[in-house]
Amino acid sequence: MDSPLLSADLGGMSASLSASSSLTHVAAISRAVGAPENLVYRCTLRDGVVVTVRPIQNDDVQRLLAFHLGLSPETRFLRFAHLLGEFPDDLISRLSCVDRDERMAFVATNAARKPDEPDEPDESSVEQIVGVARYDRVRQQVAEIAAVVADRWQGQGLGLILMYHLAMYARRQGYTTFISTMSRWNDRAIRALMHCGLPYTLKELDEDTLSAAVDLTQLDCVGG
């Protein structure tokens, strides 16, 4: 049975924040590359490093596999809970395949994009995925989300950047709510939720698991 999360260190059960500082900041540091429909953005992290954020592609299978295998055991556990060994081919293929409606994912990569060819990575660099955020439709207007950032790229605001672009896309597709389950020990995910700039609720499912819901409708007043 769901119960309100009362632990003070998690900020209480719910919050109602205006979609202001954090989201408008992400919008400000994200520059569209090429035509808007390409959904390719160049984003500056807190340490000044520039990453490319773009929709996942079918040919990302090997990059996505390398990304997941490069995660630390702790980060991999917090993302998959039960999957700590190798990744089956069918799972990686499914994670890299989206229909851009009921299933969508954005990746962040370390490869710059050519100014005159925004859809092509610079051939002088090897494009590596350093973060992923995705949603899967649960029911009408509601989608379940998951996100993970490579260990050495954590703490630079990349998770919020990925979630912002995923949420903006989902909102344009008509979604109103993101839901997620997470370990209560996943401090980064909890802090990201508390500082996302959108109304949310957080409930305790059991002694180890939390359930979160984020209201996307306030994104209507944020540019993107």
C-alpha atoms as a PDB file:
ATOM      1  CA  MET A   1       0.000   0.000   0.000  1.00  0.00           C
ATOM      2  CA  ASP A   2       1.342   3.405  -0.963  1.00  0.00           C
ATOM      3  CA  SER A   3       2.044   5.802   1.867  1.00  0.00           C
ATOM      4  CA  PRO A   4       3.246   9.400   1.902  1.00  0.00           C
ATOM      5  CA  LEU A   5       6.989   9.818   2.202  1.00  0.00           C
ATOM      6  CA  LEU A   6       7.516  11.651   5.476  1.00  0.00           C
ATOM      7  CA  SER A   7      11.301  11.586   5.735  1.00  0.00           C
ATOM      8  CA  ALA A   8      12.443  15.169   6.208  1.00  0.00           C
ATOM      9  CA  ASP A   9      15.728  14.630   4.382  1.00  0.00           C
ATOM     10  CA  LEU A  10      13.753  13.942   1.191  1.00  0.00           C
ATOM     11  CA  GLY A  11      11.876  17.187   1.400  1.00  0.00           C
ATOM     12  CA  GLY A  12       8.480  15.878   2.485  1.00  0.00           C
ATOM     13  CA  MET A  13       5.783  14.250   0.359  1.00  0.00           C
ATOM     14  CA  SER A  14       5.307  16.833  -2.340  1.00  0.00           C
ATOM     15  CA  ALA A  15       6.342  20.163  -3.733  1.00  0.00           C
ATOM     16  CA  SER A  16       4.702  22.760  -5.944  1.00  0.00           C
ATOM     17  CA  LEU A  17       7.351  24.853  -7.642  1.00  0.00           C
ATOM     18  CA  SER A  18       6.956  27.185 -10.575  1.00  0.00           C
ATOM     19  CA  ALA A  19       8.750  26.036 -13.701  1.00  0.00           C
ATOM     20  CA  SER A  20      11.309  28.788 -13.336  1.00  0.00           C
ATOM     21  CA  SER A  21      14.956  28.832 -12.350  1.00  0.00           C
ATOM     22  CA  SER A  22      16.201  25.323 -13.101  1.00  0.00           C
ATOM     23  CA  LEU A  23      14.207  24.795 -16.289  1.00  0.00           C
ATOM     24  CA  THR A  24      14.777  28.237 -17.758  1.00  0.00           C
ATOM     25  CA  HIS A  25      18.472  27.820 -17.001  1.00  0.00           C
ATOM     26  CA  VAL A  26      18.568  24.575 -18.979  1.00  0.00           C
ATOM     27  CA  ALA A  27      16.705  26.242 -21.818  1.00  0.00           C
ATOM     28  CA  ALA A  28      19.265  29.043 -21.798  1.00  0.00           C
ATOM     29  CA  ILE A  29      22.286  26.735 -22.028  1.00  0.00           C
ATOM     30  CA  SER A  30      20.751  24.549 -24.772  1.00  0.00           C
ATOM     31  CA  ARG A  31      21.269  25.719 -28.340  1.00  0.00           C
ATOM     32  CA  ALA A  32      19.422  24.013 -31.176  1.00  0.00           C
ATOM     33  CA  VAL A  33      21.701  22.784 -33.959  1.00  0.00           C
ATOM     34  CA  GLY A  34      20.200  22.709 -37.435  1.00  0.00           C
ATOM     35  CA  ALA A  35      16.452  22.620 -38.056  1.00  0.00           C
ATOM     36  CA  PRO A  36      14.241  22.495 -34.934  1.00  0.00           C
ATOM     37  CA  GLU A  37      12.680  19.213 -36.048  1.00  0.00           C
ATOM     38  CA  ASN A  38      16.109  17.561 -35.862  1.00  0.00           C
ATOM     39  CA  LEU A  39      15.930  17.798 -32.049  1.00  0.00           C
ATOM     40  CA  VAL A  40      19.699  18.167 -31.816  1.00  0.00           C
ATOM     41  CA  TYR A  41      21.045  20.495 -29.137  1.00  0.00           C
ATOM     42  CA  ARG A  42      24.446  21.644 -27.986  1.00  0.00           C
ATOM     43  CA  CYS A  43      24.471  22.097 -24.210  1.00  0.00           C
ATOM     44  CA  THR A  44      27.068  23.537 -21.839  1.00  0.00           C
ATOM     45  CA  LEU A  45      27.642  21.713 -18.558  1.00  0.00           C
ATOM     46  CA  ARG A  46      28.601  23.344 -15.268  1.00  0.00           C
ATOM     47  CA  ASP A  47      32.294  22.735 -15.905  1.00  0.00           C
ATOM     48  CA  GLY A  48      32.105  24.381 -19.330  1.00  0.00           C
ATOM     49  CA  VAL A  49      32.222  21.153 -21.354  1.00  0.00           C
ATOM     50  CA  VAL A  50      29.843  21.117 -24.323  1.00  0.00           C
ATOM     51  CA  VAL A  51      27.850  17.972 -25.096  1.00  0.00           C
ATOM     52  CA  THR A  52      25.426  17.085 -27.859  1.00  0.00           C
ATOM     53  CA  VAL A  53      21.917  16.021 -26.875  1.00  0.00           C
ATOM     54  CA  ARG A  54      19.933  14.228 -29.572  1.00  0.00           C
ATOM     55  CA  PRO A  55      17.304  11.499 -30.037  1.00  0.00           C
ATOM     56  CA  ILE A  56      18.609   7.963 -29.813  1.00  0.00           C
ATOM     57  CA  GLN A  57      19.116   6.235 -33.162  1.00  0.00           C
ATOM     58  CA  ASN A  58      18.966   2.641 -34.370  1.00  0.00           C
ATOM     59  CA  ASP A  59      22.717   2.652 -35.019  1.00  0.00           C
ATOM     60  CA  ASP A  60      23.428   3.569 -31.373  1.00  0.00           C
ATOM     61  CA  VAL A  61      23.313  -0.100 -30.331  1.00  0.00           C
ATOM     62  CA  GLN A  62      27.064  -0.533 -29.843  1.00  0.00           C
ATOM     63  CA  ARG A  63      27.509   2.930 -28.323  1.00  0.00           C
ATOM     64  CA  LEU A  64      24.677   2.212 -25.897  1.00  0.00           C
ATOM     65  CA  LEU A  65      26.157  -1.161 -24.959  1.00  0.00           C
ATOM     66  CA  ALA A  66      29.571   0.401 -24.334  1.00  0.00           C
ATOM     67  CA  PHE A  67      27.921   3.097 -22.217  1.00  0.00           C
ATOM     68  CA  HIS A  68      26.077   0.639 -19.968  1.00  0.00           C
ATOM     69  CA  LEU A  69      29.066  -1.663 -19.610  1.00  0.00           C
ATOM     70  CA  GLY A  70      31.158   1.351 -18.576  1.00  0.00           C
ATOM     71  CA  LEU A  71      28.890   2.243 -15.648  1.00  0.00           C
ATOM     72  CA  SER A  72      30.090   1.448 -12.172  1.00  0.00           C
ATOM     73  CA  PRO A  73      28.322  -1.469 -10.422  1.00  0.00           C
ATOM     74  CA  GLU A  74      26.581   1.013  -8.091  1.00  0.00           C
ATOM     75  CA  THR A  75      25.291   3.212 -10.919  1.00  0.00           C
ATOM     76  CA  ARG A  76      24.210   0.170 -12.922  1.00  0.00           C
ATOM     77  CA  PHE A  77      22.358  -1.228  -9.911  1.00  0.00           C
ATOM     78  CA  LEU A  78      20.557   2.071  -9.255  1.00  0.00           C
ATOM     79  CA  ARG A  79      19.407   2.112 -12.907  1.00  0.00           C
ATOM     80  CA  PHE A  80      18.434  -1.557 -13.367  1.00  0.00           C
ATOM     81  CA  ALA A  81      18.224  -2.883  -9.774  1.00  0.00           C
ATOM     82  CA  HIS A  82      18.616  -6.515 -10.810  1.00  0.00           C
ATOM     83  CA  LEU A  83      20.820  -6.349 -13.888  1.00  0.00           C
ATOM     84  CA  LEU A  84      24.474  -6.317 -12.832  1.00  0.00           C
ATOM     85  CA  GLY A  85      26.115  -8.643 -15.360  1.00  0.00           C
ATOM     86  CA  GLU A  86      26.294  -8.493 -19.129  1.00  0.00           C
ATOM     87  CA  PHE A  87      23.511  -6.987 -21.189  1.00  0.00           C
ATOM     88  CA  PRO A  88      21.543  -9.298 -23.511  1.00  0.00           C
ATOM     89  CA  ASP A  89      21.527  -8.263 -27.164  1.00  0.00           C
ATOM     90  CA  ASP A  90      17.739  -8.121 -27.240  1.00  0.00           C
ATOM     91  CA  LEU A  91      17.665  -5.694 -24.300  1.00  0.00           C
ATOM     92  CA  ILE A  92      20.177  -3.311 -25.859  1.00  0.00           C
ATOM     93  CA  SER A  93      18.333  -3.497 -29.199  1.00  0.00           C
ATOM     94  CA  ARG A  94      15.055  -2.676 -27.466  1.00  0.00           C
ATOM     95  CA  LEU A  95      16.587   0.223 -25.536  1.00  0.00           C
ATOM     96  CA  SER A  96      17.961   1.747 -28.736  1.00  0.00           C
ATOM     97  CA  CYS A  97      14.695   1.384 -30.677  1.00  0.00           C
ATOM     98  CA  VAL A  98      12.004   4.036 -30.202  1.00  0.00           C
ATOM     99  CA  ASP A  99       8.885   5.078 -32.099  1.00  0.00           C
ATOM    100  CA  ARG A 100       9.098   8.738 -30.939  1.00  0.00           C
ATOM    101  CA  ASP A 101       5.576   8.561 -29.544  1.00  0.00           C
ATOM    102  CA  GLU A 102       4.979   5.794 -27.022  1.00  0.00           C
ATOM    103  CA  ARG A 103       8.714   5.224 -26.592  1.00  0.00           C
ATOM    104  CA  MET A 104      11.320   7.974 -26.808  1.00  0.00           C
ATOM    105  CA  ALA A 105      14.878   8.507 -25.616  1.00  0.00           C
ATOM    106  CA  PHE A 106      17.475  11.256 -25.741  1.00  0.00           C
ATOM    107  CA  VAL A 107      21.192  10.621 -25.421  1.00  0.00           C
ATOM    108  CA  ALA A 108      24.027  12.975 -24.563  1.00  0.00           C
ATOM    109  CA  THR A 109      27.278  12.398 -26.408  1.00  0.00           C
ATOM    110  CA  ASN A 110      30.755  13.834 -26.085  1.00  0.00           C
ATOM    111  CA  ALA A 111      31.110  14.416 -29.844  1.00  0.00           C
ATOM    112  CA  ALA A 112      30.724  17.909 -31.247  1.00  0.00           C
ATOM    113  CA  ARG A 113      28.510  18.369 -34.280  1.00  0.00           C
ATOM    114  CA  LYS A 114      29.704  20.035 -37.447  1.00  0.00           C
ATOM    115  CA  PRO A 115      28.113  23.489 -37.776  1.00  0.00           C
ATOM    116  CA  ASP A 116      27.301  22.879 -41.459  1.00  0.00           C
ATOM    117  CA  GLU A 117      26.185  19.259 -40.904  1.00  0.00           C
ATOM    118  CA  PRO A 118      24.363  19.227 -37.554  1.00  0.00           C
ATOM    119  CA  ASP A 119      23.149  15.649 -37.908  1.00  0.00           C
ATOM    120  CA  GLU A 120      26.647  14.221 -38.403  1.00  0.00           C
ATOM    121  CA  PRO A 121      29.265  13.900 -35.645  1.00  0.00           C
ATOM    122  CA  ASP A 122      32.728  15.255 -36.343  1.00  0.00           C
ATOM    123  CA  GLU A 123      34.697  12.385 -37.888  1.00  0.00           C
ATOM    124  CA  SER A 124      37.810  13.499 -35.993  1.00  0.00           C
ATOM    125  CA  SER A 125      36.189  12.412 -32.723  1.00  0.00           C
ATOM    126  CA  VAL A 126      34.704   9.117 -31.583  1.00  0.00           C
ATOM    127  CA  GLU A 127      31.132   9.674 -30.482  1.00  0.00           C
ATOM    128  CA  GLN A 128      30.451   8.161 -27.072  1.00  0.00           C
ATOM    129  CA  ILE A 129      27.186   8.185 -25.174  1.00  0.00           C
ATOM    130  CA  VAL A 130      27.606   9.723 -21.717  1.00  0.00           C
ATOM    131  CA  GLY A 131      23.971   9.898 -20.607  1.00  0.00           C
ATOM    132  CA  VAL A 132      20.501   8.608 -21.511  1.00  0.00           C
ATOM    133  CA  ALA A 133      16.954   9.625 -20.564  1.00  0.00           C
ATOM    134  CA  ARG A 134      13.921   7.756 -21.850  1.00  0.00           C
ATOM    135  CA  TYR A 135      10.184   7.366 -21.425  1.00  0.00           C
ATOM    136  CA  ASP A 136       7.733   4.547 -22.099  1.00  0.00           C
ATOM    137  CA  ARG A 137       3.988   5.144 -22.298  1.00  0.00           C
ATOM    138  CA  VAL A 138       2.036   3.617 -19.400  1.00  0.00           C
ATOM    139  CA  ARG A 139      -1.421   4.914 -20.228  1.00  0.00           C
ATOM    140  CA  GLN A 140      -2.970   7.947 -21.870  1.00  0.00           C
ATOM    141  CA  GLN A 141      -0.927  11.085 -21.046  1.00  0.00           C
ATOM    142  CA  VAL A 142       1.286   9.189 -18.575  1.00  0.00           C
ATOM    143  CA  ALA A 143       4.773   7.803 -19.217  1.00  0.00           C
ATOM    144  CA  GLU A 144       7.367   6.086 -17.075  1.00  0.00           C
ATOM    145  CA  ILE A 145      10.844   7.613 -17.163  1.00  0.00           C
ATOM    146  CA  ALA A 146      14.364   6.427 -16.497  1.00  0.00           C
ATOM    147  CA  ALA A 147      17.698   8.202 -16.776  1.00  0.00           C
ATOM    148  CA  VAL A 148      21.348   7.442 -16.123  1.00  0.00           C
ATOM    149  CA  VAL A 149      24.567   9.423 -16.530  1.00  0.00           C
ATOM    150  CA  ALA A 150      28.080   7.985 -16.826  1.00  0.00           C
ATOM    151  CA  ASP A 151      29.896   8.142 -13.493  1.00  0.00           C
ATOM    152  CA  ARG A 152      32.576  10.644 -14.440  1.00  0.00           C
ATOM    153  CA  TRP A 153      29.969  12.937 -16.009  1.00  0.00           C
ATOM    154  CA  GLN A 154      27.768  13.072 -12.919  1.00  0.00           C
ATOM    155  CA  GLY A 155      27.417  16.241 -10.870  1.00  0.00           C
ATOM    156  CA  GLN A 156      27.554  18.571 -13.901  1.00  0.00           C
ATOM    157  CA  GLY A 157      23.809  19.024 -14.477  1.00  0.00           C
ATOM    158  CA  LEU A 158      23.654  16.580 -17.382  1.00  0.00           C
ATOM    159  CA  GLY A 159      20.795  14.560 -15.909  1.00  0.00           C
ATOM    160  CA  LEU A 160      18.618  17.665 -15.623  1.00  0.00           C
ATOM    161  CA  ILE A 161      19.497  18.685 -19.193  1.00  0.00           C
ATOM    162  CA  LEU A 162      18.462  15.288 -20.546  1.00  0.00           C
ATOM    163  CA  MET A 163      15.253  15.230 -18.519  1.00  0.00           C
ATOM    164  CA  TYR A 164      14.374  18.751 -19.636  1.00  0.00           C
ATOM    165  CA  HIS A 165      14.585  17.870 -23.333  1.00  0.00           C
ATOM    166  CA  LEU A 166      12.757  14.584 -22.793  1.00  0.00           C
ATOM    167  CA  ALA A 167      10.004  16.322 -20.812  1.00  0.00           C
ATOM    168  CA  MET A 168       9.610  19.115 -23.366  1.00  0.00           C
ATOM    169  CA  TYR A 169       9.292  16.536 -26.131  1.00  0.00           C
ATOM    170  CA  ALA A 170       6.797  14.468 -24.130  1.00  0.00           C
ATOM    171  CA  ARG A 171       4.706  17.530 -23.390  1.00  0.00           C
ATOM    172  CA  ARG A 172       4.501  18.359 -27.096  1.00  0.00           C
ATOM    173  CA  GLN A 173       3.301  14.784 -27.634  1.00  0.00           C
ATOM    174  CA  GLY A 174       0.463  15.381 -25.177  1.00  0.00           C
ATOM    175  CA  TYR A 175       1.846  13.773 -22.022  1.00  0.00           C
ATOM    176  CA  THR A 176       0.973  15.427 -18.714  1.00  0.00           C
ATOM    177  CA  THR A 177       2.736  13.209 -16.171  1.00  0.00           C
ATOM    178  CA  PHE A 178       6.037  11.398 -15.752  1.00  0.00           C
ATOM    179  CA  ILE A 179       6.188   8.578 -13.212  1.00  0.00           C
ATOM    180  CA  SER A 180       9.152   6.623 -11.890  1.00  0.00           C
ATOM    181  CA  THR A 181      10.180   4.154  -9.221  1.00  0.00           C
ATOM    182  CA  MET A 182      13.590   4.513  -7.628  1.00  0.00           C
ATOM    183  CA  SER A 183      15.695   3.265  -4.772  1.00  0.00           C
ATOM    184  CA  ARG A 184      15.370   5.443  -1.690  1.00  0.00           C
ATOM    185  CA  TRP A 185      19.192   5.347  -1.603  1.00  0.00           C
ATOM    186  CA  ASN A 186      19.477   6.978  -5.028  1.00  0.00           C
ATOM    187  CA  ASP A 187      20.419  10.409  -3.700  1.00  0.00           C
ATOM    188  CA  ARG A 188      21.158  11.922  -7.125  1.00  0.00           C
ATOM    189  CA  ALA A 189      17.754  10.969  -8.513  1.00  0.00           C
ATOM    190  CA  ILE A 190      15.983  12.313  -5.431  1.00  0.00           C
ATOM    191  CA  ARG A 191      17.895  15.616  -5.545  1.00  0.00           C
ATOM    192  CA  ALA A 192      17.177  15.933  -9.274  1.00  0.00           C
ATOM    193  CA  LEU A 193      13.476  15.477  -8.563  1.00  0.00           C
ATOM    194  CA  MET A 194      13.511  18.041  -5.770  1.00  0.00           C
ATOM    195  CA  HIS A 195      15.248  20.618  -7.978  1.00  0.00           C
ATOM    196  CA  CYS A 196      13.548  19.898 -11.296  1.00  0.00           C
ATOM    197  CA  GLY A 197      11.370  23.011 -11.025  1.00  0.00           C
ATOM    198  CA  LEU A 198       8.091  21.131 -11.536  1.00  0.00           C
ATOM    199  CA  PRO A 199       5.384  19.998  -9.087  1.00  0.00           C
ATOM    200  CA  TYR A 200       5.964  16.435  -7.925  1.00  0.00           C
ATOM    201  CA  THR A 201       4.766  13.850  -5.430  1.00  0.00           C
ATOM    202  CA  LEU A 202       6.960  11.266  -3.761  1.00  0.00           C
ATOM    203  CA  LYS A 203       5.608   8.177  -2.023  1.00  0.00           C
ATOM    204  CA  GLU A 204       7.118   5.266  -0.177  1.00  0.00           C
ATOM    205  CA  LEU A 205       6.255   1.889  -1.727  1.00  0.00           C
ATOM    206  CA  ASP A 206       8.331  -0.122   0.724  1.00  0.00           C
ATOM    207  CA  GLU A 207      11.400   0.354   2.892  1.00  0.00           C
ATOM    208  CA  ASP A 208      13.684   0.442  -0.157  1.00  0.00           C
ATOM    209  CA  THR A 209      11.555   1.842  -2.992  1.00  0.00           C
ATOM    210  CA  LEU A 210      10.031   5.234  -3.781  1.00  0.00           C
ATOM    211  CA  SER A 211       7.414   6.195  -6.343  1.00  0.00           C
ATOM    212  CA  ALA A 212       7.539   9.629  -7.957  1.00  0.00           C
ATOM    213  CA  ALA A 213       5.138  11.530 -10.200  1.00  0.00           C
ATOM    214  CA  VAL A 214       6.012  14.789 -11.973  1.00  0.00           C
ATOM    215  CA  ASP A 215       3.466  17.226 -13.415  1.00  0.00           C
ATOM    216  CA  LEU A 216       4.588  18.318 -16.891  1.00  0.00           C
ATOM    217  CA  THR A 217       1.843  20.852 -17.553  1.00  0.00           C
ATOM    218  CA  GLN A 218       3.862  23.780 -16.213  1.00  0.00           C
ATOM    219  CA  LEU A 219       6.302  23.229 -19.057  1.00  0.00           C
ATOM    220  CA  ASP A 220       3.751  25.048 -21.204  1.00  0.00           C
ATOM    221  CA  CYS A 221       5.166  28.316 -19.857  1.00  0.00           C
ATOM    222  CA  VAL A 222       8.806  27.430 -20.489  1.00  0.00           C
ATOM    223  CA  GLY A 223      10.434  27.974 -23.847  1.00  0.00           C
ATOM    224  CA  GLY A 224      11.954  25.008 -25.644  1.00  0.00           C
END
